[in-house]
N, C-alpha and C. Protein backbone atom coordinates (compact mmCIF):
# COMPACT_ATOMS: atom_id res chain seq x y z
N MET A 1 25.28 2.69 29.29
CA MET A 1 24.40 3.66 28.66
C MET A 1 24.65 5.04 29.26
N ALA A 2 24.78 6.05 28.41
CA ALA A 2 25.03 7.40 28.87
C ALA A 2 23.81 7.94 29.59
N ALA A 3 24.05 8.93 30.47
CA ALA A 3 22.95 9.49 31.26
C ALA A 3 21.88 10.10 30.37
N GLU A 4 22.30 10.80 29.30
CA GLU A 4 21.33 11.43 28.40
C GLU A 4 20.46 10.38 27.72
N GLU A 5 21.09 9.28 27.29
CA GLU A 5 20.33 8.21 26.65
C GLU A 5 19.38 7.57 27.64
N MET A 6 19.81 7.41 28.89
CA MET A 6 18.94 6.84 29.91
C MET A 6 17.73 7.73 30.14
N ARG A 7 17.96 9.05 30.10
CA ARG A 7 16.84 9.97 30.30
C ARG A 7 15.84 9.86 29.16
N HIS A 8 16.36 9.77 27.92
CA HIS A 8 15.47 9.64 26.78
C HIS A 8 14.65 8.36 26.88
N THR A 9 15.30 7.26 27.27
CA THR A 9 14.61 5.98 27.38
C THR A 9 13.54 6.06 28.47
N ALA A 10 13.86 6.68 29.57
CA ALA A 10 12.90 6.82 30.66
C ALA A 10 11.71 7.67 30.24
N ASP A 11 11.97 8.76 29.49
CA ASP A 11 10.88 9.60 29.00
C ASP A 11 9.97 8.81 28.07
N ALA A 12 10.57 8.04 27.16
CA ALA A 12 9.79 7.24 26.23
C ALA A 12 8.98 6.19 26.98
N ALA A 13 9.58 5.57 27.99
CA ALA A 13 8.87 4.57 28.78
C ALA A 13 7.70 5.21 29.51
N GLY A 14 7.90 6.41 30.02
CA GLY A 14 6.82 7.11 30.71
C GLY A 14 5.67 7.43 29.77
N LEU A 15 6.00 7.85 28.57
CA LEU A 15 4.98 8.14 27.57
C LEU A 15 4.24 6.86 27.20
N ALA A 16 4.97 5.76 27.05
CA ALA A 16 4.34 4.48 26.72
C ALA A 16 3.39 4.03 27.83
N ALA A 17 3.81 4.21 29.08
CA ALA A 17 2.96 3.82 30.21
C ALA A 17 1.68 4.64 30.23
N LEU A 18 1.80 5.92 29.92
CA LEU A 18 0.62 6.79 29.88
C LEU A 18 -0.34 6.32 28.80
N ILE A 19 0.19 6.00 27.61
CA ILE A 19 -0.63 5.52 26.51
C ILE A 19 -1.30 4.20 26.89
N SER A 20 -0.53 3.30 27.52
CA SER A 20 -1.06 2.00 27.88
C SER A 20 -2.20 2.12 28.88
N ARG A 21 -2.00 2.95 29.91
CA ARG A 21 -3.04 3.11 30.92
C ARG A 21 -4.29 3.74 30.33
N ALA A 22 -4.10 4.75 29.49
CA ALA A 22 -5.25 5.43 28.90
C ALA A 22 -6.02 4.50 27.98
N SER A 23 -5.31 3.71 27.19
CA SER A 23 -5.95 2.79 26.25
C SER A 23 -6.73 1.72 26.98
N GLU A 24 -6.13 1.14 28.02
CA GLU A 24 -6.79 0.07 28.76
C GLU A 24 -8.00 0.60 29.53
N ALA A 25 -7.88 1.81 30.06
CA ALA A 25 -8.99 2.37 30.81
C ALA A 25 -10.20 2.61 29.91
N LYS A 26 -9.94 3.02 28.68
CA LYS A 26 -11.04 3.31 27.75
C LYS A 26 -11.64 2.04 27.19
N SER A 27 -10.81 1.10 26.79
CA SER A 27 -11.32 -0.08 26.08
C SER A 27 -11.69 -1.22 27.01
N GLY A 28 -11.12 -1.22 28.23
CA GLY A 28 -11.37 -2.31 29.14
C GLY A 28 -10.66 -3.58 28.74
N LYS A 29 -9.71 -3.46 27.80
CA LYS A 29 -8.99 -4.63 27.31
C LYS A 29 -7.50 -4.41 27.44
N LYS A 30 -6.77 -5.51 27.48
CA LYS A 30 -5.31 -5.44 27.50
C LYS A 30 -4.72 -6.05 26.23
N ARG A 31 -5.59 -6.57 25.35
CA ARG A 31 -5.10 -7.19 24.14
C ARG A 31 -5.84 -6.62 22.94
N GLY A 32 -5.23 -6.79 21.78
CA GLY A 32 -5.87 -6.30 20.57
C GLY A 32 -5.55 -4.83 20.35
N LEU A 33 -5.93 -4.35 19.18
CA LEU A 33 -5.66 -2.97 18.83
C LEU A 33 -6.72 -2.05 19.43
N PRO A 34 -6.31 -0.95 20.04
CA PRO A 34 -7.29 0.00 20.57
C PRO A 34 -8.03 0.70 19.42
N PRO A 35 -9.27 1.11 19.66
CA PRO A 35 -10.09 1.72 18.59
C PRO A 35 -9.73 3.19 18.35
N VAL A 36 -8.53 3.44 17.88
CA VAL A 36 -8.06 4.82 17.75
C VAL A 36 -8.90 5.64 16.77
N GLU A 37 -9.52 4.98 15.77
CA GLU A 37 -10.31 5.72 14.79
C GLU A 37 -11.58 6.31 15.43
N LYS A 38 -11.99 5.76 16.56
CA LYS A 38 -13.21 6.24 17.22
C LYS A 38 -12.93 7.35 18.24
N TRP A 39 -11.67 7.56 18.56
CA TRP A 39 -11.33 8.55 19.58
C TRP A 39 -11.19 9.94 18.96
N ASN A 40 -11.64 10.93 19.68
CA ASN A 40 -11.54 12.31 19.20
C ASN A 40 -11.02 13.22 20.32
N PRO A 41 -9.79 12.97 20.78
CA PRO A 41 -9.24 13.78 21.88
C PRO A 41 -8.70 15.11 21.37
N PRO A 42 -8.43 16.04 22.26
CA PRO A 42 -7.84 17.32 21.83
C PRO A 42 -6.40 17.14 21.37
N PHE A 43 -5.99 17.98 20.42
CA PHE A 43 -4.61 17.98 19.96
C PHE A 43 -3.74 18.69 20.98
N CYS A 44 -2.68 18.02 21.42
CA CYS A 44 -1.83 18.56 22.48
C CYS A 44 -0.45 18.97 21.96
N GLY A 45 -0.32 19.14 20.65
CA GLY A 45 0.95 19.59 20.09
C GLY A 45 1.78 18.44 19.55
N ASP A 46 2.91 18.80 18.94
CA ASP A 46 3.83 17.81 18.39
C ASP A 46 4.87 17.44 19.43
N ILE A 47 5.35 16.20 19.37
CA ILE A 47 6.46 15.77 20.22
C ILE A 47 7.63 15.39 19.33
N ASP A 48 8.80 15.34 19.91
CA ASP A 48 10.02 15.06 19.15
C ASP A 48 10.21 13.56 18.98
N MET A 49 9.29 12.97 18.23
CA MET A 49 9.36 11.55 17.92
C MET A 49 9.31 11.40 16.41
N GLU A 50 10.14 10.50 15.88
CA GLU A 50 10.26 10.35 14.43
C GLU A 50 10.40 8.88 14.06
N ILE A 51 9.74 8.49 12.98
CA ILE A 51 9.91 7.15 12.42
C ILE A 51 10.69 7.31 11.13
N ARG A 52 11.89 6.74 11.10
CA ARG A 52 12.75 6.86 9.93
C ARG A 52 12.28 5.92 8.81
N ALA A 53 12.84 6.09 7.64
CA ALA A 53 12.41 5.30 6.47
C ALA A 53 12.66 3.81 6.65
N ASP A 54 13.65 3.44 7.48
CA ASP A 54 13.93 2.02 7.71
C ASP A 54 13.10 1.43 8.84
N GLY A 55 12.15 2.22 9.37
CA GLY A 55 11.27 1.74 10.43
C GLY A 55 11.77 1.97 11.84
N THR A 56 12.96 2.57 11.99
CA THR A 56 13.50 2.84 13.33
C THR A 56 12.80 4.05 13.94
N TRP A 57 12.40 3.90 15.20
CA TRP A 57 11.74 4.98 15.93
C TRP A 57 12.78 5.75 16.75
N PHE A 58 12.69 7.07 16.71
CA PHE A 58 13.56 7.95 17.50
C PHE A 58 12.71 8.83 18.41
N TYR A 59 13.23 9.04 19.61
CA TYR A 59 12.59 9.97 20.55
C TYR A 59 13.66 10.95 21.03
N THR A 60 13.42 12.23 20.82
CA THR A 60 14.37 13.30 21.11
C THR A 60 15.76 12.97 20.54
N GLY A 61 15.78 12.45 19.33
CA GLY A 61 17.03 12.19 18.64
C GLY A 61 17.73 10.88 18.98
N THR A 62 17.15 10.10 19.87
CA THR A 62 17.76 8.83 20.30
C THR A 62 16.89 7.66 19.86
N PRO A 63 17.48 6.62 19.26
CA PRO A 63 16.68 5.46 18.86
C PRO A 63 16.01 4.81 20.07
N ILE A 64 14.77 4.40 19.88
CA ILE A 64 14.06 3.65 20.93
C ILE A 64 14.43 2.19 20.72
N GLY A 65 15.28 1.69 21.58
CA GLY A 65 15.82 0.34 21.39
C GLY A 65 14.96 -0.77 21.94
N ARG A 66 13.96 -0.44 22.73
CA ARG A 66 13.12 -1.47 23.34
C ARG A 66 11.94 -1.79 22.45
N ALA A 67 11.95 -2.99 21.86
CA ALA A 67 10.90 -3.38 20.92
C ALA A 67 9.49 -3.30 21.52
N PRO A 68 9.27 -3.69 22.79
CA PRO A 68 7.92 -3.58 23.35
C PRO A 68 7.39 -2.15 23.36
N LEU A 69 8.28 -1.17 23.57
CA LEU A 69 7.84 0.23 23.53
C LEU A 69 7.38 0.61 22.13
N VAL A 70 8.18 0.25 21.15
CA VAL A 70 7.83 0.57 19.77
C VAL A 70 6.52 -0.11 19.38
N GLN A 71 6.35 -1.36 19.77
CA GLN A 71 5.12 -2.07 19.45
C GLN A 71 3.92 -1.41 20.10
N LEU A 72 4.09 -0.94 21.31
CA LEU A 72 2.99 -0.26 21.99
C LEU A 72 2.64 1.04 21.28
N PHE A 73 3.64 1.84 20.96
CA PHE A 73 3.39 3.08 20.24
C PHE A 73 2.68 2.82 18.92
N SER A 74 3.09 1.74 18.24
CA SER A 74 2.53 1.46 16.91
C SER A 74 1.04 1.18 16.95
N THR A 75 0.53 0.70 18.09
CA THR A 75 -0.90 0.36 18.19
C THR A 75 -1.78 1.59 18.32
N VAL A 76 -1.20 2.74 18.64
CA VAL A 76 -2.01 3.95 18.79
C VAL A 76 -1.64 5.00 17.75
N LEU A 77 -1.07 4.55 16.64
CA LEU A 77 -0.78 5.45 15.52
C LEU A 77 -2.05 5.69 14.72
N ARG A 78 -2.18 6.91 14.23
CA ARG A 78 -3.30 7.23 13.34
C ARG A 78 -2.88 8.33 12.39
N LYS A 79 -3.18 8.14 11.13
CA LYS A 79 -2.93 9.19 10.13
C LYS A 79 -4.26 9.82 9.78
N ASP A 80 -4.35 11.12 9.95
CA ASP A 80 -5.62 11.82 9.74
C ASP A 80 -5.71 12.41 8.33
N GLU A 81 -6.84 13.02 8.05
CA GLU A 81 -7.08 13.59 6.72
C GLU A 81 -6.09 14.70 6.38
N ASP A 82 -5.50 15.30 7.38
CA ASP A 82 -4.53 16.37 7.11
C ASP A 82 -3.18 15.83 6.66
N GLY A 83 -3.05 14.50 6.58
CA GLY A 83 -1.81 13.89 6.11
C GLY A 83 -0.77 13.70 7.19
N LYS A 84 -1.03 14.16 8.41
CA LYS A 84 -0.09 14.02 9.51
C LYS A 84 -0.39 12.75 10.31
N THR A 85 0.64 12.23 10.95
CA THR A 85 0.51 11.02 11.76
C THR A 85 0.59 11.39 13.23
N TYR A 86 -0.26 10.76 14.03
CA TYR A 86 -0.38 11.09 15.46
C TYR A 86 -0.33 9.83 16.32
N LEU A 87 0.10 10.02 17.57
CA LEU A 87 -0.16 9.04 18.62
C LEU A 87 -1.45 9.49 19.29
N VAL A 88 -2.41 8.57 19.38
CA VAL A 88 -3.74 8.95 19.86
C VAL A 88 -4.15 8.08 21.04
N THR A 89 -4.62 8.72 22.09
CA THR A 89 -5.22 8.03 23.23
C THR A 89 -6.61 8.64 23.42
N PRO A 90 -7.42 8.11 24.33
CA PRO A 90 -8.73 8.72 24.55
C PRO A 90 -8.65 10.14 25.09
N VAL A 91 -7.49 10.53 25.63
CA VAL A 91 -7.41 11.84 26.30
C VAL A 91 -6.52 12.85 25.60
N GLU A 92 -5.68 12.41 24.63
CA GLU A 92 -4.82 13.37 23.95
C GLU A 92 -4.37 12.83 22.60
N LYS A 93 -3.97 13.78 21.74
CA LYS A 93 -3.44 13.45 20.43
C LYS A 93 -2.19 14.29 20.21
N VAL A 94 -1.06 13.61 19.91
CA VAL A 94 0.19 14.34 19.70
C VAL A 94 0.77 13.96 18.34
N GLY A 95 1.34 14.94 17.67
CA GLY A 95 1.88 14.71 16.35
C GLY A 95 3.30 14.19 16.38
N ILE A 96 3.63 13.30 15.44
CA ILE A 96 5.00 12.80 15.30
C ILE A 96 5.40 12.93 13.83
N ARG A 97 6.68 12.76 13.54
CA ARG A 97 7.17 12.84 12.16
C ARG A 97 7.35 11.43 11.60
N VAL A 98 6.94 11.24 10.37
CA VAL A 98 7.14 9.97 9.67
C VAL A 98 7.83 10.29 8.35
N ILE A 99 9.04 9.77 8.17
CA ILE A 99 9.83 10.10 6.99
C ILE A 99 9.25 9.47 5.72
N ASP A 100 8.81 8.22 5.80
CA ASP A 100 8.22 7.55 4.64
C ASP A 100 6.90 6.92 5.05
N ALA A 101 6.92 5.66 5.42
CA ALA A 101 5.73 4.98 5.94
C ALA A 101 5.99 4.61 7.39
N PRO A 102 4.94 4.50 8.22
CA PRO A 102 5.16 4.19 9.64
C PRO A 102 5.61 2.76 9.89
N PHE A 103 5.35 1.86 8.95
CA PHE A 103 5.72 0.46 9.12
C PHE A 103 6.58 0.00 7.94
N VAL A 104 7.28 -1.11 8.14
CA VAL A 104 8.06 -1.73 7.08
C VAL A 104 7.67 -3.20 7.01
N ALA A 105 7.33 -3.68 5.83
CA ALA A 105 7.05 -5.11 5.64
C ALA A 105 8.37 -5.83 5.48
N VAL A 106 8.71 -6.67 6.44
CA VAL A 106 10.04 -7.27 6.49
C VAL A 106 10.04 -8.75 6.12
N GLU A 107 8.86 -9.34 5.94
CA GLU A 107 8.79 -10.77 5.62
C GLU A 107 7.53 -11.03 4.81
N MET A 108 7.61 -11.96 3.88
CA MET A 108 6.45 -12.32 3.06
C MET A 108 6.38 -13.83 2.89
N ASN A 109 5.17 -14.36 2.90
CA ASN A 109 4.95 -15.78 2.67
C ASN A 109 3.88 -15.93 1.59
N ALA A 110 4.17 -16.74 0.59
CA ALA A 110 3.21 -17.01 -0.48
C ALA A 110 2.59 -18.38 -0.24
N SER A 111 1.26 -18.42 -0.20
CA SER A 111 0.55 -19.69 -0.02
C SER A 111 -0.62 -19.73 -0.99
N GLU A 112 -1.40 -20.78 -0.90
CA GLU A 112 -2.55 -20.93 -1.80
C GLU A 112 -3.80 -21.24 -0.99
N ARG A 113 -4.90 -20.60 -1.36
CA ARG A 113 -6.19 -20.86 -0.70
C ARG A 113 -7.28 -20.88 -1.77
N ASP A 114 -8.02 -21.95 -1.82
CA ASP A 114 -9.09 -22.10 -2.81
C ASP A 114 -8.58 -21.84 -4.22
N GLY A 115 -7.37 -22.32 -4.50
CA GLY A 115 -6.80 -22.20 -5.82
C GLY A 115 -6.25 -20.83 -6.16
N GLN A 116 -6.21 -19.93 -5.18
CA GLN A 116 -5.71 -18.58 -5.42
C GLN A 116 -4.49 -18.30 -4.55
N GLN A 117 -3.56 -17.56 -5.09
CA GLN A 117 -2.37 -17.18 -4.34
C GLN A 117 -2.72 -16.17 -3.25
N VAL A 118 -2.15 -16.36 -2.08
CA VAL A 118 -2.33 -15.42 -0.97
C VAL A 118 -0.95 -15.00 -0.47
N LEU A 119 -0.70 -13.71 -0.43
CA LEU A 119 0.56 -13.19 0.06
C LEU A 119 0.35 -12.62 1.45
N THR A 120 1.08 -13.15 2.41
CA THR A 120 0.96 -12.72 3.80
C THR A 120 2.26 -12.04 4.21
N PHE A 121 2.13 -10.85 4.77
CA PHE A 121 3.29 -10.04 5.15
C PHE A 121 3.36 -9.88 6.67
N ARG A 122 4.59 -9.76 7.17
CA ARG A 122 4.81 -9.41 8.58
C ARG A 122 5.56 -8.10 8.62
N THR A 123 5.09 -7.19 9.46
CA THR A 123 5.75 -5.89 9.57
C THR A 123 6.81 -5.90 10.67
N ASN A 124 7.58 -4.85 10.73
CA ASN A 124 8.64 -4.73 11.74
C ASN A 124 8.11 -4.62 13.16
N VAL A 125 6.82 -4.36 13.32
CA VAL A 125 6.24 -4.29 14.66
C VAL A 125 5.31 -5.47 14.94
N GLY A 126 5.34 -6.48 14.06
CA GLY A 126 4.62 -7.71 14.36
C GLY A 126 3.24 -7.86 13.76
N ASP A 127 2.77 -6.86 12.98
CA ASP A 127 1.48 -7.02 12.32
C ASP A 127 1.59 -8.09 11.24
N VAL A 128 0.57 -8.92 11.11
CA VAL A 128 0.51 -9.93 10.06
C VAL A 128 -0.68 -9.60 9.18
N ILE A 129 -0.42 -9.36 7.88
CA ILE A 129 -1.44 -8.84 6.98
C ILE A 129 -1.46 -9.64 5.70
N GLU A 130 -2.65 -10.05 5.28
CA GLU A 130 -2.83 -10.69 3.99
C GLU A 130 -3.18 -9.63 2.96
N ALA A 131 -2.40 -9.55 1.90
CA ALA A 131 -2.71 -8.62 0.82
C ALA A 131 -3.97 -9.09 0.10
N GLY A 132 -4.87 -8.15 -0.17
CA GLY A 132 -6.12 -8.49 -0.83
C GLY A 132 -6.99 -7.26 -0.94
N LYS A 133 -8.27 -7.47 -1.04
CA LYS A 133 -9.22 -6.36 -1.22
C LYS A 133 -9.14 -5.35 -0.08
N ASP A 134 -9.06 -5.84 1.16
CA ASP A 134 -9.03 -4.95 2.32
C ASP A 134 -7.65 -4.40 2.62
N HIS A 135 -6.64 -5.06 2.08
CA HIS A 135 -5.26 -4.64 2.32
C HIS A 135 -4.49 -4.66 0.99
N PRO A 136 -4.77 -3.67 0.14
CA PRO A 136 -4.14 -3.66 -1.18
C PRO A 136 -2.66 -3.33 -1.16
N LEU A 137 -1.98 -3.81 -2.18
CA LEU A 137 -0.61 -3.41 -2.46
C LEU A 137 -0.66 -2.23 -3.43
N ARG A 138 0.20 -1.27 -3.20
CA ARG A 138 0.24 -0.07 -4.03
C ARG A 138 1.65 0.08 -4.59
N PHE A 139 1.73 0.33 -5.89
CA PHE A 139 3.01 0.54 -6.56
C PHE A 139 2.98 1.92 -7.20
N PRO A 140 3.45 2.95 -6.50
CA PRO A 140 3.40 4.30 -7.06
C PRO A 140 4.17 4.38 -8.37
N ASP A 141 3.75 5.32 -9.21
CA ASP A 141 4.45 5.54 -10.48
C ASP A 141 5.87 5.95 -10.16
N HIS A 142 6.81 5.06 -10.44
CA HIS A 142 8.19 5.27 -10.01
C HIS A 142 9.04 5.99 -11.04
N GLY A 143 8.48 6.23 -12.24
CA GLY A 143 9.25 6.92 -13.26
C GLY A 143 10.26 6.00 -13.92
N LYS A 144 10.90 6.50 -14.96
CA LYS A 144 11.77 5.66 -15.78
C LYS A 144 13.01 5.18 -15.04
N ASP A 145 13.60 6.05 -14.23
CA ASP A 145 14.88 5.70 -13.58
C ASP A 145 14.78 5.61 -12.06
N SER A 146 13.57 5.63 -11.53
CA SER A 146 13.41 5.64 -10.07
C SER A 146 13.26 4.23 -9.52
N GLU A 147 13.47 4.11 -8.24
CA GLU A 147 13.40 2.81 -7.57
C GLU A 147 11.95 2.39 -7.36
N LEU A 148 11.69 1.11 -7.54
CA LEU A 148 10.37 0.56 -7.28
C LEU A 148 10.17 0.48 -5.76
N LYS A 149 9.09 1.09 -5.26
CA LYS A 149 8.81 1.12 -3.82
C LYS A 149 7.36 0.73 -3.58
N PRO A 150 7.08 -0.56 -3.34
CA PRO A 150 5.71 -0.98 -3.07
C PRO A 150 5.30 -0.63 -1.63
N TYR A 151 4.00 -0.42 -1.47
CA TYR A 151 3.43 -0.16 -0.15
C TYR A 151 2.25 -1.10 0.07
N LEU A 152 2.06 -1.52 1.31
CA LEU A 152 0.95 -2.39 1.70
C LEU A 152 0.07 -1.66 2.69
N HIS A 153 -1.24 -1.65 2.43
CA HIS A 153 -2.17 -1.03 3.39
C HIS A 153 -2.24 -1.88 4.65
N VAL A 154 -2.09 -1.23 5.79
CA VAL A 154 -2.12 -1.94 7.08
C VAL A 154 -3.46 -1.73 7.77
N ARG A 155 -3.78 -0.49 8.09
CA ARG A 155 -5.07 -0.15 8.69
C ARG A 155 -5.26 1.36 8.63
N GLY A 156 -6.52 1.77 8.64
CA GLY A 156 -6.80 3.20 8.55
C GLY A 156 -6.14 3.78 7.31
N ARG A 157 -5.34 4.84 7.53
CA ARG A 157 -4.56 5.42 6.44
C ARG A 157 -3.08 5.05 6.56
N LEU A 158 -2.79 4.05 7.34
CA LEU A 158 -1.40 3.65 7.58
C LEU A 158 -0.96 2.56 6.62
N GLU A 159 0.27 2.71 6.12
CA GLU A 159 0.83 1.75 5.19
C GLU A 159 2.18 1.25 5.68
N ALA A 160 2.61 0.14 5.09
CA ALA A 160 3.96 -0.38 5.32
C ALA A 160 4.73 -0.31 4.01
N LEU A 161 5.92 0.22 4.09
CA LEU A 161 6.84 0.17 2.95
C LEU A 161 7.38 -1.25 2.86
N VAL A 162 7.28 -1.85 1.68
CA VAL A 162 7.82 -3.20 1.49
C VAL A 162 9.34 -3.08 1.38
N SER A 163 10.06 -3.78 2.26
CA SER A 163 11.51 -3.70 2.28
C SER A 163 12.09 -4.16 0.95
N ARG A 164 13.32 -3.75 0.69
CA ARG A 164 13.95 -4.08 -0.59
C ARG A 164 14.03 -5.60 -0.80
N ALA A 165 14.44 -6.33 0.25
CA ALA A 165 14.55 -7.79 0.11
C ALA A 165 13.21 -8.43 -0.21
N VAL A 166 12.16 -7.98 0.48
CA VAL A 166 10.82 -8.53 0.23
C VAL A 166 10.31 -8.09 -1.14
N MET A 167 10.67 -6.88 -1.54
CA MET A 167 10.25 -6.39 -2.86
C MET A 167 10.76 -7.31 -3.97
N TYR A 168 12.02 -7.78 -3.84
CA TYR A 168 12.57 -8.69 -4.84
C TYR A 168 11.78 -10.00 -4.87
N GLU A 169 11.40 -10.51 -3.71
CA GLU A 169 10.59 -11.72 -3.64
C GLU A 169 9.24 -11.49 -4.30
N LEU A 170 8.68 -10.33 -4.06
CA LEU A 170 7.36 -9.98 -4.61
C LEU A 170 7.41 -9.93 -6.13
N VAL A 171 8.43 -9.28 -6.66
CA VAL A 171 8.56 -9.15 -8.11
C VAL A 171 8.73 -10.51 -8.78
N GLU A 172 9.41 -11.44 -8.10
CA GLU A 172 9.59 -12.78 -8.67
C GLU A 172 8.27 -13.50 -8.87
N LEU A 173 7.24 -13.10 -8.15
CA LEU A 173 5.92 -13.71 -8.27
C LEU A 173 5.04 -13.01 -9.30
N GLY A 174 5.59 -11.98 -9.94
CA GLY A 174 4.83 -11.21 -10.90
C GLY A 174 4.56 -11.96 -12.20
N GLU A 175 3.56 -11.49 -12.93
CA GLU A 175 3.19 -12.06 -14.21
C GLU A 175 2.59 -10.96 -15.08
N VAL A 176 2.46 -11.23 -16.34
CA VAL A 176 1.84 -10.27 -17.26
C VAL A 176 0.36 -10.60 -17.41
N ALA A 177 -0.47 -9.57 -17.25
CA ALA A 177 -1.91 -9.73 -17.39
C ALA A 177 -2.50 -8.46 -17.97
N GLU A 178 -3.67 -8.58 -18.56
CA GLU A 178 -4.34 -7.41 -19.13
C GLU A 178 -5.15 -6.71 -18.05
N VAL A 179 -4.91 -5.43 -17.88
CA VAL A 179 -5.63 -4.63 -16.90
C VAL A 179 -6.17 -3.38 -17.61
N ALA A 180 -7.49 -3.24 -17.63
CA ALA A 180 -8.12 -2.09 -18.28
C ALA A 180 -7.63 -1.91 -19.71
N GLY A 181 -7.51 -3.03 -20.42
CA GLY A 181 -7.15 -2.98 -21.82
C GLY A 181 -5.67 -2.80 -22.11
N ARG A 182 -4.84 -2.87 -21.07
CA ARG A 182 -3.40 -2.71 -21.28
C ARG A 182 -2.66 -3.85 -20.61
N GLU A 183 -1.61 -4.32 -21.27
CA GLU A 183 -0.81 -5.38 -20.66
C GLU A 183 0.05 -4.80 -19.56
N MET A 184 -0.09 -5.40 -18.37
CA MET A 184 0.62 -4.91 -17.20
C MET A 184 1.38 -6.06 -16.55
N PHE A 185 2.47 -5.71 -15.87
CA PHE A 185 3.17 -6.66 -15.00
C PHE A 185 2.50 -6.53 -13.65
N VAL A 186 1.95 -7.63 -13.14
CA VAL A 186 1.11 -7.59 -11.95
C VAL A 186 1.52 -8.66 -10.95
N VAL A 187 0.98 -8.54 -9.75
CA VAL A 187 1.09 -9.60 -8.76
C VAL A 187 -0.31 -9.84 -8.21
N ARG A 188 -0.61 -11.09 -7.89
CA ARG A 188 -1.95 -11.45 -7.42
C ARG A 188 -1.91 -11.86 -5.95
N SER A 189 -2.99 -11.56 -5.24
CA SER A 189 -3.14 -12.03 -3.86
C SER A 189 -4.60 -11.94 -3.45
N GLY A 190 -5.10 -13.01 -2.86
CA GLY A 190 -6.47 -13.00 -2.34
C GLY A 190 -7.52 -12.69 -3.38
N GLY A 191 -7.28 -13.11 -4.63
CA GLY A 191 -8.26 -12.88 -5.68
C GLY A 191 -8.18 -11.49 -6.31
N GLU A 192 -7.24 -10.68 -5.87
CA GLU A 192 -7.08 -9.32 -6.40
C GLU A 192 -5.82 -9.25 -7.27
N ILE A 193 -5.85 -8.34 -8.23
CA ILE A 193 -4.70 -8.09 -9.10
C ILE A 193 -4.15 -6.71 -8.79
N PHE A 194 -2.84 -6.65 -8.54
CA PHE A 194 -2.20 -5.38 -8.21
C PHE A 194 -1.16 -5.05 -9.28
N PRO A 195 -1.45 -4.06 -10.14
CA PRO A 195 -0.51 -3.70 -11.20
C PRO A 195 0.78 -3.12 -10.64
N ILE A 196 1.90 -3.58 -11.17
CA ILE A 196 3.21 -3.06 -10.77
C ILE A 196 3.70 -2.02 -11.76
N MET A 197 3.66 -2.36 -13.05
CA MET A 197 4.09 -1.43 -14.08
C MET A 197 3.61 -1.94 -15.43
N PRO A 198 3.55 -1.08 -16.44
CA PRO A 198 3.22 -1.56 -17.79
C PRO A 198 4.23 -2.60 -18.25
N ALA A 199 3.75 -3.60 -18.96
CA ALA A 199 4.61 -4.69 -19.41
C ALA A 199 5.74 -4.20 -20.30
N ASP A 200 5.49 -3.17 -21.10
CA ASP A 200 6.56 -2.67 -21.97
C ASP A 200 7.69 -2.02 -21.19
N GLU A 201 7.36 -1.42 -20.04
CA GLU A 201 8.41 -0.85 -19.18
C GLU A 201 9.27 -1.96 -18.59
N LEU A 202 8.64 -3.08 -18.25
CA LEU A 202 9.37 -4.21 -17.71
C LEU A 202 10.33 -4.76 -18.74
N GLU A 203 9.88 -4.86 -19.98
CA GLU A 203 10.72 -5.36 -21.05
C GLU A 203 11.92 -4.45 -21.27
N ALA A 204 11.67 -3.14 -21.22
CA ALA A 204 12.75 -2.18 -21.42
C ALA A 204 13.78 -2.27 -20.30
N ALA A 205 13.29 -2.47 -19.05
CA ALA A 205 14.18 -2.54 -17.90
C ALA A 205 15.01 -3.81 -17.91
N SER A 206 14.53 -4.85 -18.59
CA SER A 206 15.23 -6.14 -18.61
C SER A 206 16.34 -6.22 -19.67
N ARG A 207 16.37 -5.23 -20.55
CA ARG A 207 17.36 -5.26 -21.64
C ARG A 207 18.74 -4.90 -21.14
């Protein structure tokens, strides 16, 4: 490892240790997600940290290769009303850049509960989320020639971009149903219906 890369890794580790100590001191716990939505620390500026569209985290231009560091950072992420994403501790809030979504849904499992389909997703940082009322799937209007990009609500204002491979699995579970008086191609999970696109657009795309 080059000296510059070692320095970046050490800086990131130091930042992670600071976050860990601050979180544990405030919550009195070492497990579970810290209550970042309840914290209101002062804004201490932006740092050179970025989450790329594929879910890779960079610090000062260097990928953070240690998964435990990334997982720790992910637990103190918060997206505020201003649309920006921050790392938040009880004592400080720093801004970071997010190219698309902060998480990526990399795995999906379809099961059945009480006669209803349940879709469970795993993110690149280990979150396990059941799509449903509290964690809806969102399919932005992708336009006639644009790529379908589903998003899954994770927590707060944070979402996971559904990876391309998982997106194909998701679409295979789709069906046509009437939504608000219009036939839509939808997917179901946890008793909820999530529209993907109008059924006529699906027919046109299949030709």
